[in-house]
Amino acid sequence: MKNDRLIEIIERSVGVEPNFVLPADFAQRVTTAVVGHEQWKTDLQEYFYLATIVITLLAAASGIYYLMDKELLIRTMNFFASNWAPVTFVILTLNFILFVDKVVLRLLFSRSKNN
């Protein structure tokens, strides 16, 4: 009984002309949107990987300097503590440059290439 009803619905839906028309470039636009979304995710992932690598390398270098020359690391940390505003500004600026380079510019260039 359920199969007969299902077959009737399928036959009715296949036999009726749809009330809408897809544009000729519909498949190309959908493909472009999917590729753009995947590229955005890949670019963000690469940015986070690079930021993690940089932070890990800085932590490893700090650990090595701590083991080799504690006084130098203490002076460096005192310098950062006394000049926290410029140091924070430089770190945020470098992070912004990395983000723009790895994510935003690729997004803009891929969109301009598609148009």
PDB file of N, CA and C in Angstrom:
ATOM      1  N   MET A   1       0.822  -1.196   0.000  1.00  0.00           N
ATOM      2  CA  MET A   1       0.000   0.000   0.000  1.00  0.00           C
ATOM      3  C   MET A   1       0.865   1.259   0.000  1.00  0.00           C
ATOM      4  N   LYS A   2       1.889   1.281   0.843  1.00  0.00           N
ATOM      5  CA  LYS A   2       2.763   2.451   0.907  1.00  0.00           C
ATOM      6  C   LYS A   2       3.562   2.597  -0.376  1.00  0.00           C
ATOM      7  N   ASN A   3       3.977   1.480  -0.958  1.00  0.00           N
ATOM      8  CA  ASN A   3       4.749   1.538  -2.201  1.00  0.00           C
ATOM      9  C   ASN A   3       3.900   2.079  -3.345  1.00  0.00           C
ATOM     10  N   ASP A   4       2.621   1.696  -3.404  1.00  0.00           N
ATOM     11  CA  ASP A   4       1.741   2.211  -4.448  1.00  0.00           C
ATOM     12  C   ASP A   4       1.576   3.717  -4.323  1.00  0.00           C
ATOM     13  N   ARG A   5       1.426   4.195  -3.110  1.00  0.00           N
ATOM     14  CA  ARG A   5       1.283   5.640  -2.871  1.00  0.00           C
ATOM     15  C   ARG A   5       2.571   6.374  -3.251  1.00  0.00           C
ATOM     16  N   LEU A   6       3.714   5.796  -2.903  1.00  0.00           N
ATOM     17  CA  LEU A   6       5.007   6.387  -3.239  1.00  0.00           C
ATOM     18  C   LEU A   6       5.203   6.435  -4.746  1.00  0.00           C
ATOM     19  N   ILE A   7       4.872   5.388  -5.440  1.00  0.00           N
ATOM     20  CA  ILE A   7       4.997   5.348  -6.894  1.00  0.00           C
ATOM     21  C   ILE A   7       4.080   6.383  -7.529  1.00  0.00           C
ATOM     22  N   GLU A   8       2.880   6.541  -7.001  1.00  0.00           N
ATOM     23  CA  GLU A   8       1.945   7.538  -7.522  1.00  0.00           C
ATOM     24  C   GLU A   8       2.494   8.956  -7.345  1.00  0.00           C
ATOM     25  N   ILE A   9       3.083   9.230  -6.187  1.00  0.00           N
ATOM     26  CA  ILE A   9       3.651  10.561  -5.930  1.00  0.00           C
ATOM     27  C   ILE A   9       4.829  10.819  -6.866  1.00  0.00           C
ATOM     28  N   ILE A  10       5.673   9.828  -7.048  1.00  0.00           N
ATOM     29  CA  ILE A  10       6.841   9.990  -7.927  1.00  0.00           C
ATOM     30  C   ILE A  10       6.387  10.215  -9.362  1.00  0.00           C
ATOM     31  N   GLU A  11       5.431   9.448  -9.846  1.00  0.00           N
ATOM     32  CA  GLU A  11       4.940   9.610 -11.216  1.00  0.00           C
ATOM     33  C   GLU A  11       4.291  10.976 -11.417  1.00  0.00           C
ATOM     34  N   ARG A  12       3.553  11.436 -10.434  1.00  0.00           N
ATOM     35  CA  ARG A  12       2.912  12.743 -10.529  1.00  0.00           C
ATOM     36  C   ARG A  12       3.957  13.865 -10.540  1.00  0.00           C
ATOM     37  N   SER A  13       4.987  13.738  -9.711  1.00  0.00           N
ATOM     38  CA  SER A  13       6.004  14.797  -9.650  1.00  0.00           C
ATOM     39  C   SER A  13       6.889  14.802 -10.888  1.00  0.00           C
ATOM     40  N   VAL A  14       7.160  13.652 -11.474  1.00  0.00           N
ATOM     41  CA  VAL A  14       7.985  13.599 -12.676  1.00  0.00           C
ATOM     42  C   VAL A  14       7.191  14.068 -13.887  1.00  0.00           C
ATOM     43  N   GLY A  15       5.913  13.835 -13.894  1.00  0.00           N
ATOM     44  CA  GLY A  15       5.092  14.185 -15.044  1.00  0.00           C
ATOM     45  C   GLY A  15       4.722  15.651 -15.123  1.00  0.00           C
ATOM     46  N   VAL A  16       4.937  16.417 -14.075  1.00  0.00           N
ATOM     47  CA  VAL A  16       4.538  17.826 -14.041  1.00  0.00           C
ATOM     48  C   VAL A  16       5.751  18.699 -14.333  1.00  0.00           C
ATOM     49  N   GLU A  17       5.529  19.709 -15.160  1.00  0.00           N
ATOM     50  CA  GLU A  17       6.590  20.662 -15.476  1.00  0.00           C
ATOM     51  C   GLU A  17       6.800  21.595 -14.275  1.00  0.00           C
ATOM     52  N   PRO A  18       8.064  21.840 -13.883  1.00  0.00           N
ATOM     53  CA  PRO A  18       8.305  22.710 -12.719  1.00  0.00           C
ATOM     54  C   PRO A  18       7.914  24.158 -13.021  1.00  0.00           C
ATOM     55  N   ASN A  19       7.613  24.904 -11.960  1.00  0.00           N
ATOM     56  CA  ASN A  19       7.189  26.298 -12.106  1.00  0.00           C
ATOM     57  C   ASN A  19       8.352  27.279 -12.103  1.00  0.00           C
ATOM     58  N   PHE A  20       9.555  26.788 -12.132  1.00  0.00           N
ATOM     59  CA  PHE A  20      10.717  27.664 -12.099  1.00  0.00           C
ATOM     60  C   PHE A  20      11.709  27.209 -13.165  1.00  0.00           C
ATOM     61  N   VAL A  21      12.597  28.130 -13.520  1.00  0.00           N
ATOM     62  CA  VAL A  21      13.637  27.834 -14.504  1.00  0.00           C
ATOM     63  C   VAL A  21      14.975  28.216 -13.884  1.00  0.00           C
ATOM     64  N   LEU A  22      15.908  27.294 -13.920  1.00  0.00           N
ATOM     65  CA  LEU A  22      17.253  27.583 -13.411  1.00  0.00           C
ATOM     66  C   LEU A  22      18.045  28.339 -14.466  1.00  0.00           C
ATOM     67  N   PRO A  23      18.874  29.292 -14.036  1.00  0.00           N
ATOM     68  CA  PRO A  23      19.700  29.998 -15.012  1.00  0.00           C
ATOM     69  C   PRO A  23      20.712  29.040 -15.653  1.00  0.00           C
ATOM     70  N   ALA A  24      21.228  29.448 -16.783  1.00  0.00           N
ATOM     71  CA  ALA A  24      22.158  28.589 -17.522  1.00  0.00           C
ATOM     72  C   ALA A  24      23.457  28.354 -16.758  1.00  0.00           C
ATOM     73  N   ASP A  25      23.873  29.327 -15.953  1.00  0.00           N
ATOM     74  CA  ASP A  25      25.144  29.185 -15.224  1.00  0.00           C
ATOM     75  C   ASP A  25      24.937  28.760 -13.769  1.00  0.00           C
ATOM     76  N   PHE A  26      23.809  28.125 -13.476  1.00  0.00           N
ATOM     77  CA  PHE A  26      23.496  27.722 -12.101  1.00  0.00           C
ATOM     78  C   PHE A  26      24.540  26.769 -11.524  1.00  0.00           C
ATOM     79  N   ALA A  27      24.882  25.740 -12.272  1.00  0.00           N
ATOM     80  CA  ALA A  27      25.854  24.753 -11.783  1.00  0.00           C
ATOM     81  C   ALA A  27      27.217  25.393 -11.568  1.00  0.00           C
ATOM     82  N   GLN A  28      27.615  26.277 -12.464  1.00  0.00           N
ATOM     83  CA  GLN A  28      28.908  26.955 -12.321  1.00  0.00           C
ATOM     84  C   GLN A  28      28.923  27.840 -11.083  1.00  0.00           C
ATOM     85  N   ARG A  29      27.833  28.553 -10.821  1.00  0.00           N
ATOM     86  CA  ARG A  29      27.780  29.421  -9.643  1.00  0.00           C
ATOM     87  C   ARG A  29      27.781  28.617  -8.352  1.00  0.00           C
ATOM     88  N   VAL A  30      27.060  27.494  -8.330  1.00  0.00           N
ATOM     89  CA  VAL A  30      27.055  26.644  -7.133  1.00  0.00           C
ATOM     90  C   VAL A  30      28.448  26.073  -6.892  1.00  0.00           C
ATOM     91  N   THR A  31      29.089  25.609  -7.945  1.00  0.00           N
ATOM     92  CA  THR A  31      30.443  25.060  -7.822  1.00  0.00           C
ATOM     93  C   THR A  31      31.414  26.123  -7.334  1.00  0.00           C
ATOM     94  N   THR A  32      31.318  27.320  -7.871  1.00  0.00           N
ATOM     95  CA  THR A  32      32.187  28.418  -7.447  1.00  0.00           C
ATOM     96  C   THR A  32      31.964  28.756  -5.974  1.00  0.00           C
ATOM     97  N   ALA A  33      30.706  28.754  -5.537  1.00  0.00           N
ATOM     98  CA  ALA A  33      30.410  29.056  -4.133  1.00  0.00           C
ATOM     99  C   ALA A  33      30.962  27.977  -3.209  1.00  0.00           C
ATOM    100  N   VAL A  34      30.831  26.716  -3.597  1.00  0.00           N
ATOM    101  CA  VAL A  34      31.336  25.626  -2.761  1.00  0.00           C
ATOM    102  C   VAL A  34      32.860  25.673  -2.696  1.00  0.00           C
ATOM    103  N   VAL A  35      33.503  25.899  -3.834  1.00  0.00           N
ATOM    104  CA  VAL A  35      34.967  25.990  -3.856  1.00  0.00           C
ATOM    105  C   VAL A  35      35.437  27.182  -3.028  1.00  0.00           C
ATOM    106  N   GLY A  36      34.742  28.305  -3.122  1.00  0.00           N
ATOM    107  CA  GLY A  36      35.110  29.485  -2.331  1.00  0.00           C
ATOM    108  C   GLY A  36      34.982  29.229  -0.839  1.00  0.00           C
ATOM    109  N   HIS A  37      33.924  28.534  -0.448  1.00  0.00           N
ATOM    110  CA  HIS A  37      33.732  28.215   0.974  1.00  0.00           C
ATOM    111  C   HIS A  37      34.834  27.291   1.477  1.00  0.00           C
ATOM    112  N   GLU A  38      35.166  26.292   0.694  1.00  0.00           N
ATOM    113  CA  GLU A  38      36.237  25.370   1.090  1.00  0.00           C
ATOM    114  C   GLU A  38      37.591  26.080   1.124  1.00  0.00           C
ATOM    115  N   GLN A  39      37.827  26.995   0.189  1.00  0.00           N
ATOM    116  CA  GLN A  39      39.082  27.747   0.179  1.00  0.00           C
ATOM    117  C   GLN A  39      39.179  28.638   1.413  1.00  0.00           C
ATOM    118  N   TRP A  40      38.062  29.251   1.807  1.00  0.00           N
ATOM    119  CA  TRP A  40      38.018  30.090   3.010  1.00  0.00           C
ATOM    120  C   TRP A  40      38.387  29.268   4.240  1.00  0.00           C
ATOM    121  N   LYS A  41      37.805  28.073   4.358  1.00  0.00           N
ATOM    122  CA  LYS A  41      38.116  27.203   5.495  1.00  0.00           C
ATOM    123  C   LYS A  41      39.585  26.792   5.480  1.00  0.00           C
ATOM    124  N   THR A  42      40.109  26.472   4.308  1.00  0.00           N
ATOM    125  CA  THR A  42      41.508  26.068   4.191  1.00  0.00           C
ATOM    126  C   THR A  42      42.432  27.218   4.559  1.00  0.00           C
ATOM    127  N   ASP A  43      42.124  28.432   4.097  1.00  0.00           N
ATOM    128  CA  ASP A  43      42.957  29.595   4.406  1.00  0.00           C
ATOM    129  C   ASP A  43      42.954  29.900   5.901  1.00  0.00           C
ATOM    130  N   LEU A  44      41.785  29.836   6.534  1.00  0.00           N
ATOM    131  CA  LEU A  44      41.720  30.060   7.982  1.00  0.00           C
ATOM    132  C   LEU A  44      42.505  28.997   8.740  1.00  0.00           C
ATOM    133  N   GLN A  45      42.391  27.757   8.303  1.00  0.00           N
ATOM    134  CA  GLN A  45      43.117  26.674   8.955  1.00  0.00           C
ATOM    135  C   GLN A  45      44.625  26.876   8.819  1.00  0.00           C
ATOM    136  N   GLU A  46      45.078  27.292   7.642  1.00  0.00           N
ATOM    137  CA  GLU A  46      46.501  27.552   7.445  1.00  0.00           C
ATOM    138  C   GLU A  46      46.980  28.703   8.325  1.00  0.00           C
ATOM    139  N   TYR A  47      46.165  29.748   8.450  1.00  0.00           N
ATOM    140  CA  TYR A  47      46.520  30.876   9.314  1.00  0.00           C
ATOM    141  C   TYR A  47      46.682  30.417  10.768  1.00  0.00           C
ATOM    142  N   PHE A  48      45.731  29.615  11.260  1.00  0.00           N
ATOM    143  CA  PHE A  48      45.812  29.144  12.641  1.00  0.00           C
ATOM    144  C   PHE A  48      47.004  28.217  12.850  1.00  0.00           C
ATOM    145  N   TYR A  49      47.318  27.396  11.850  1.00  0.00           N
ATOM    146  CA  TYR A  49      48.506  26.537  11.951  1.00  0.00           C
ATOM    147  C   TYR A  49      49.780  27.373  12.035  1.00  0.00           C
ATOM    148  N   LEU A  50      49.883  28.394  11.178  1.00  0.00           N
ATOM    149  CA  LEU A  50      51.079  29.241  11.205  1.00  0.00           C
ATOM    150  C   LEU A  50      51.192  30.013  12.520  1.00  0.00           C
ATOM    151  N   ALA A  51      50.074  30.527  13.016  1.00  0.00           N
ATOM    152  CA  ALA A  51      50.104  31.250  14.289  1.00  0.00           C
ATOM    153  C   ALA A  51      50.512  30.314  15.426  1.00  0.00           C
ATOM    154  N   THR A  52      50.017  29.086  15.397  1.00  0.00           N
ATOM    155  CA  THR A  52      50.385  28.104  16.424  1.00  0.00           C
ATOM    156  C   THR A  52      51.859  27.747  16.339  1.00  0.00           C
ATOM    157  N   ILE A  53      52.372  27.602  15.131  1.00  0.00           N
ATOM    158  CA  ILE A  53      53.791  27.288  14.957  1.00  0.00           C
ATOM    159  C   ILE A  53      54.662  28.423  15.476  1.00  0.00           C
ATOM    160  N   VAL A  54      54.290  29.657  15.175  1.00  0.00           N
ATOM    161  CA  VAL A  54      55.077  30.806  15.646  1.00  0.00           C
ATOM    162  C   VAL A  54      55.070  30.875  17.171  1.00  0.00           C
ATOM    163  N   ILE A  55      53.911  30.680  17.780  1.00  0.00           N
ATOM    164  CA  ILE A  55      53.821  30.717  19.242  1.00  0.00           C
ATOM    165  C   ILE A  55      54.636  29.580  19.859  1.00  0.00           C
ATOM    166  N   THR A  56      54.566  28.402  19.251  1.00  0.00           N
ATOM    167  CA  THR A  56      55.336  27.262  19.757  1.00  0.00           C
ATOM    168  C   THR A  56      56.836  27.508  19.646  1.00  0.00           C
ATOM    169  N   LEU A  57      57.275  28.070  18.519  1.00  0.00           N
ATOM    170  CA  LEU A  57      58.703  28.376  18.364  1.00  0.00           C
ATOM    171  C   LEU A  57      59.169  29.434  19.363  1.00  0.00           C
ATOM    172  N   LEU A  58      58.336  30.435  19.607  1.00  0.00           N
ATOM    173  CA  LEU A  58      58.701  31.448  20.607  1.00  0.00           C
ATOM    174  C   LEU A  58      58.781  30.840  22.003  1.00  0.00           C
ATOM    175  N   ALA A  59      57.868  29.944  22.330  1.00  0.00           N
ATOM    176  CA  ALA A  59      57.905  29.282  23.630  1.00  0.00           C
ATOM    177  C   ALA A  59      59.135  28.388  23.743  1.00  0.00           C
ATOM    178  N   ALA A  60      59.477  27.682  22.673  1.00  0.00           N
ATOM    179  CA  ALA A  60      60.670  26.823  22.701  1.00  0.00           C
ATOM    180  C   ALA A  60      61.940  27.655  22.837  1.00  0.00           C
ATOM    181  N   ALA A  61      62.010  28.776  22.108  1.00  0.00           N
ATOM    182  CA  ALA A  61      63.183  29.650  22.217  1.00  0.00           C
ATOM    183  C   ALA A  61      63.286  30.239  23.619  1.00  0.00           C
ATOM    184  N   SER A  62      62.159  30.620  24.195  1.00  0.00           N
ATOM    185  CA  SER A  62      62.180  31.147  25.568  1.00  0.00           C
ATOM    186  C   SER A  62      62.652  30.081  26.551  1.00  0.00           C
ATOM    187  N   GLY A  63      62.207  28.844  26.363  1.00  0.00           N
ATOM    188  CA  GLY A  63      62.653  27.753  27.233  1.00  0.00           C
ATOM    189  C   GLY A  63      64.143  27.499  27.108  1.00  0.00           C
ATOM    190  N   ILE A  64      64.658  27.550  25.887  1.00  0.00           N
ATOM    191  CA  ILE A  64      66.095  27.340  25.683  1.00  0.00           C
ATOM    192  C   ILE A  64      66.888  28.472  26.324  1.00  0.00           C
ATOM    193  N   TYR A  65      66.436  29.710  26.116  1.00  0.00           N
ATOM    194  CA  TYR A  65      67.130  30.837  26.752  1.00  0.00           C
ATOM    195  C   TYR A  65      67.042  30.760  28.270  1.00  0.00           C
ATOM    196  N   TYR A  66      65.940  30.266  28.780  1.00  0.00           N
ATOM    197  CA  TYR A  66      65.801  30.120  30.225  1.00  0.00           C
ATOM    198  C   TYR A  66      66.827  29.122  30.760  1.00  0.00           C
ATOM    199  N   LEU A  67      67.029  28.043  30.045  1.00  0.00           N
ATOM    200  CA  LEU A  67      68.009  27.040  30.480  1.00  0.00           C
ATOM    201  C   LEU A  67      69.439  27.537  30.309  1.00  0.00           C
ATOM    202  N   MET A  68      69.702  28.326  29.277  1.00  0.00           N
ATOM    203  CA  MET A  68      71.066  28.782  29.003  1.00  0.00           C
ATOM    204  C   MET A  68      71.433  30.029  29.799  1.00  0.00           C
ATOM    205  N   ASP A  69      70.565  31.013  29.779  1.00  0.00           N
ATOM    206  CA  ASP A  69      70.888  32.294  30.417  1.00  0.00           C
ATOM    207  C   ASP A  69      69.604  32.882  31.014  1.00  0.00           C
ATOM    208  N   LYS A  70      69.361  32.583  32.277  1.00  0.00           N
ATOM    209  CA  LYS A  70      68.135  33.030  32.937  1.00  0.00           C
ATOM    210  C   LYS A  70      68.088  34.547  33.048  1.00  0.00           C
ATOM    211  N   GLU A  71      69.241  35.167  33.237  1.00  0.00           N
ATOM    212  CA  GLU A  71      69.297  36.623  33.417  1.00  0.00           C
ATOM    213  C   GLU A  71      68.813  37.348  32.150  1.00  0.00           C
ATOM    214  N   LEU A  72      69.190  36.858  30.983  1.00  0.00           N
ATOM    215  CA  LEU A  72      68.750  37.471  29.734  1.00  0.00           C
ATOM    216  C   LEU A  72      67.227  37.364  29.595  1.00  0.00           C
ATOM    217  N   LEU A  73      66.686  36.218  29.906  1.00  0.00           N
ATOM    218  CA  LEU A  73      65.234  36.045  29.815  1.00  0.00           C
ATOM    219  C   LEU A  73      64.514  36.940  30.820  1.00  0.00           C
ATOM    220  N   ILE A  74      65.055  37.082  32.000  1.00  0.00           N
ATOM    221  CA  ILE A  74      64.438  37.946  33.013  1.00  0.00           C
ATOM    222  C   ILE A  74      64.474  39.403  32.562  1.00  0.00           C
ATOM    223  N   ARG A  75      65.594  39.847  31.974  1.00  0.00           N
ATOM    224  CA  ARG A  75      65.683  41.219  31.458  1.00  0.00           C
ATOM    225  C   ARG A  75      64.694  41.439  30.315  1.00  0.00           C
ATOM    226  N   THR A  76      64.569  40.426  29.452  1.00  0.00           N
ATOM    227  CA  THR A  76      63.630  40.534  28.332  1.00  0.00           C
ATOM    228  C   THR A  76      62.196  40.624  28.841  1.00  0.00           C
ATOM    229  N   MET A  77      61.855  39.801  29.822  1.00  0.00           N
ATOM    230  CA  MET A  77      60.503  39.849  30.372  1.00  0.00           C
ATOM    231  C   MET A  77      60.237  41.179  31.089  1.00  0.00           C
ATOM    232  N   ASN A  78      61.235  41.718  31.759  1.00  0.00           N
ATOM    233  CA  ASN A  78      61.090  43.041  32.391  1.00  0.00           C
ATOM    234  C   ASN A  78      60.887  44.129  31.342  1.00  0.00           C
ATOM    235  N   PHE A  79      61.601  44.009  30.217  1.00  0.00           N
ATOM    236  CA  PHE A  79      61.423  44.973  29.129  1.00  0.00           C
ATOM    237  C   PHE A  79      59.990  44.908  28.602  1.00  0.00           C
ATOM    238  N   PHE A  80      59.485  43.678  28.364  1.00  0.00           N
ATOM    239  CA  PHE A  80      58.113  43.516  27.873  1.00  0.00           C
ATOM    240  C   PHE A  80      57.100  44.043  28.885  1.00  0.00           C
ATOM    241  N   ALA A  81      57.370  43.811  30.174  1.00  0.00           N
ATOM    242  CA  ALA A  81      56.438  44.267  31.206  1.00  0.00           C
ATOM    243  C   ALA A  81      56.423  45.791  31.309  1.00  0.00           C
ATOM    244  N   SER A  82      57.563  46.427  31.162  1.00  0.00           N
ATOM    245  CA  SER A  82      57.606  47.885  31.279  1.00  0.00           C
ATOM    246  C   SER A  82      57.124  48.579  30.002  1.00  0.00           C
ATOM    247  N   ASN A  83      57.208  47.914  28.882  1.00  0.00           N
ATOM    248  CA  ASN A  83      56.770  48.495  27.607  1.00  0.00           C
ATOM    249  C   ASN A  83      55.639  47.656  27.008  1.00  0.00           C
ATOM    250  N   TRP A  84      54.636  47.361  27.785  1.00  0.00           N
ATOM    251  CA  TRP A  84      53.594  46.439  27.338  1.00  0.00           C
ATOM    252  C   TRP A  84      52.754  47.000  26.195  1.00  0.00           C
ATOM    253  N   ALA A  85      52.514  48.299  26.167  1.00  0.00           N
ATOM    254  CA  ALA A  85      51.667  48.874  25.113  1.00  0.00           C
ATOM    255  C   ALA A  85      52.326  48.783  23.732  1.00  0.00           C
ATOM    256  N   PRO A  86      53.579  49.228  23.572  1.00  0.00           N
ATOM    257  CA  PRO A  86      54.196  49.090  22.239  1.00  0.00           C
ATOM    258  C   PRO A  86      54.395  47.630  21.826  1.00  0.00           C
ATOM    259  N   VAL A  87      54.733  46.786  22.787  1.00  0.00           N
ATOM    260  CA  VAL A  87      54.930  45.368  22.469  1.00  0.00           C
ATOM    261  C   VAL A  87      53.608  44.754  22.009  1.00  0.00           C
ATOM    262  N   THR A  88      52.523  45.068  22.703  1.00  0.00           N
ATOM    263  CA  THR A  88      51.210  44.567  22.308  1.00  0.00           C
ATOM    264  C   THR A  88      50.822  45.090  20.936  1.00  0.00           C
ATOM    265  N   PHE A  89      51.094  46.361  20.670  1.00  0.00           N
ATOM    266  CA  PHE A  89      50.796  46.942  19.374  1.00  0.00           C
ATOM    267  C   PHE A  89      51.569  46.243  18.259  1.00  0.00           C
ATOM    268  N   VAL A  90      52.832  45.977  18.470  1.00  0.00           N
ATOM    269  CA  VAL A  90      53.650  45.291  17.466  1.00  0.00           C
ATOM    270  C   VAL A  90      53.137  43.871  17.239  1.00  0.00           C
ATOM    271  N   ILE A  91      52.804  43.157  18.309  1.00  0.00           N
ATOM    272  CA  ILE A  91      52.302  41.786  18.176  1.00  0.00           C
ATOM    273  C   ILE A  91      50.972  41.762  17.425  1.00  0.00           C
ATOM    274  N   LEU A  92      50.065  42.659  17.769  1.00  0.00           N
ATOM    275  CA  LEU A  92      48.777  42.713  17.076  1.00  0.00           C
ATOM    276  C   LEU A  92      48.940  43.126  15.613  1.00  0.00           C
ATOM    277  N   THR A  93      49.859  44.042  15.335  1.00  0.00           N
ATOM    278  CA  THR A  93      50.110  44.454  13.955  1.00  0.00           C
ATOM    279  C   THR A  93      50.667  43.299  13.130  1.00  0.00           C
ATOM    280  N   LEU A  94      51.626  42.566  13.678  1.00  0.00           N
ATOM    281  CA  LEU A  94      52.183  41.418  12.960  1.00  0.00           C
ATOM    282  C   LEU A  94      51.126  40.330  12.758  1.00  0.00           C
ATOM    283  N   ASN A  95      50.289  40.119  13.753  1.00  0.00           N
ATOM    284  CA  ASN A  95      49.213  39.141  13.622  1.00  0.00           C
ATOM    285  C   ASN A  95      48.217  39.572  12.548  1.00  0.00           C
ATOM    286  N   PHE A  96      47.895  40.840  12.511  1.00  0.00           N
ATOM    287  CA  PHE A  96      46.993  41.356  11.491  1.00  0.00           C
ATOM    288  C   PHE A  96      47.585  41.203  10.094  1.00  0.00           C
ATOM    289  N   ILE A  97      48.869  41.498   9.944  1.00  0.00           N
ATOM    290  CA  ILE A  97      49.532  41.348   8.646  1.00  0.00           C
ATOM    291  C   ILE A  97      49.505  39.890   8.200  1.00  0.00           C
ATOM    292  N   LEU A  98      49.777  38.975   9.113  1.00  0.00           N
ATOM    293  CA  LEU A  98      49.730  37.553   8.778  1.00  0.00           C
ATOM    294  C   LEU A  98      48.324  37.143   8.366  1.00  0.00           C
ATOM    295  N   PHE A  99      47.315  37.608   9.096  1.00  0.00           N
ATOM    296  CA  PHE A  99      45.923  37.269   8.775  1.00  0.00           C
ATOM    297  C   PHE A  99      45.530  37.816   7.401  1.00  0.00           C
ATOM    298  N   VAL A 100      45.881  39.050   7.130  1.00  0.00           N
ATOM    299  CA  VAL A 100      45.543  39.654   5.837  1.00  0.00           C
ATOM    300  C   VAL A 100      46.258  38.922   4.711  1.00  0.00           C
ATOM    301  N   ASP A 101      47.523  38.566   4.929  1.00  0.00           N
ATOM    302  CA  ASP A 101      48.298  37.884   3.900  1.00  0.00           C
ATOM    303  C   ASP A 101      47.761  36.488   3.615  1.00  0.00           C
ATOM    304  N   LYS A 102      47.421  35.745   4.639  1.00  0.00           N
ATOM    305  CA  LYS A 102      47.035  34.348   4.460  1.00  0.00           C
ATOM    306  C   LYS A 102      45.553  34.142   4.183  1.00  0.00           C
ATOM    307  N   VAL A 103      44.701  35.099   4.567  1.00  0.00           N
ATOM    308  CA  VAL A 103      43.261  34.867   4.427  1.00  0.00           C
ATOM    309  C   VAL A 103      42.598  35.916   3.537  1.00  0.00           C
ATOM    310  N   VAL A 104      42.693  37.174   3.903  1.00  0.00           N
ATOM    311  CA  VAL A 104      41.906  38.211   3.246  1.00  0.00           C
ATOM    312  C   VAL A 104      42.343  38.424   1.799  1.00  0.00           C
ATOM    313  N   LEU A 105      43.645  38.521   1.539  1.00  0.00           N
ATOM    314  CA  LEU A 105      44.100  38.753   0.173  1.00  0.00           C
ATOM    315  C   LEU A 105      43.742  37.591  -0.745  1.00  0.00           C
ATOM    316  N   ARG A 106      43.858  36.378  -0.257  1.00  0.00           N
ATOM    317  CA  ARG A 106      43.471  35.226  -1.082  1.00  0.00           C
ATOM    318  C   ARG A 106      41.983  35.253  -1.388  1.00  0.00           C
ATOM    319  N   LEU A 107      41.182  35.654  -0.417  1.00  0.00           N
ATOM    320  CA  LEU A 107      39.741  35.747  -0.636  1.00  0.00           C
ATOM    321  C   LEU A 107      39.424  36.826  -1.673  1.00  0.00           C
ATOM    322  N   LEU A 108      40.064  37.979  -1.565  1.00  0.00           N
ATOM    323  CA  LEU A 108      39.812  39.056  -2.513  1.00  0.00           C
ATOM    324  C   LEU A 108      40.269  38.687  -3.914  1.00  0.00           C
ATOM    325  N   PHE A 109      41.436  38.074  -4.040  1.00  0.00           N
ATOM    326  CA  PHE A 109      41.932  37.710  -5.362  1.00  0.00           C
ATOM    327  C   PHE A 109      41.092  36.611  -5.993  1.00  0.00           C
ATOM    328  N   SER A 110      40.614  35.675  -5.215  1.00  0.00           N
ATOM    329  CA  SER A 110      39.777  34.619  -5.796  1.00  0.00           C
ATOM    330  C   SER A 110      38.431  35.183  -6.242  1.00  0.00           C
ATOM    331  N   ARG A 111      37.895  36.147  -5.528  1.00  0.00           N
ATOM    332  CA  ARG A 111      36.617  36.753  -5.941  1.00  0.00           C
ATOM    333  C   ARG A 111      36.787  37.622  -7.168  1.00  0.00           C
ATOM    334  N   SER A 112      37.904  38.366  -7.252  1.00  0.00           N
ATOM    335  CA  SER A 112      38.113  39.209  -8.432  1.00  0.00           C
ATOM    336  C   SER A 112      38.398  38.366  -9.665  1.00  0.00           C
ATOM    337  N   LYS A 113      38.999  37.200  -9.474  1.00  0.00           N
ATOM    338  CA  LYS A 113      39.271  36.307 -10.605  1.00  0.00           C
ATOM    339  C   LYS A 113      37.977  35.702 -11.143  1.00  0.00           C
ATOM    340  N   ASN A 114      37.011  35.466 -10.271  1.00  0.00           N
ATOM    341  CA  ASN A 114      35.752  34.858 -10.690  1.00  0.00           C
ATOM    342  C   ASN A 114      34.847  35.845 -11.426  1.00  0.00           C
ATOM    343  N   ASN A 115      35.017  37.132 -11.168  1.00  0.00           N
ATOM    344  CA  ASN A 115      34.139  38.150 -11.812  1.00  0.00           C
ATOM    345  C   ASN A 115      34.651  38.577 -13.128  1.00  0.00           C
TER     346      ASN A 115
END
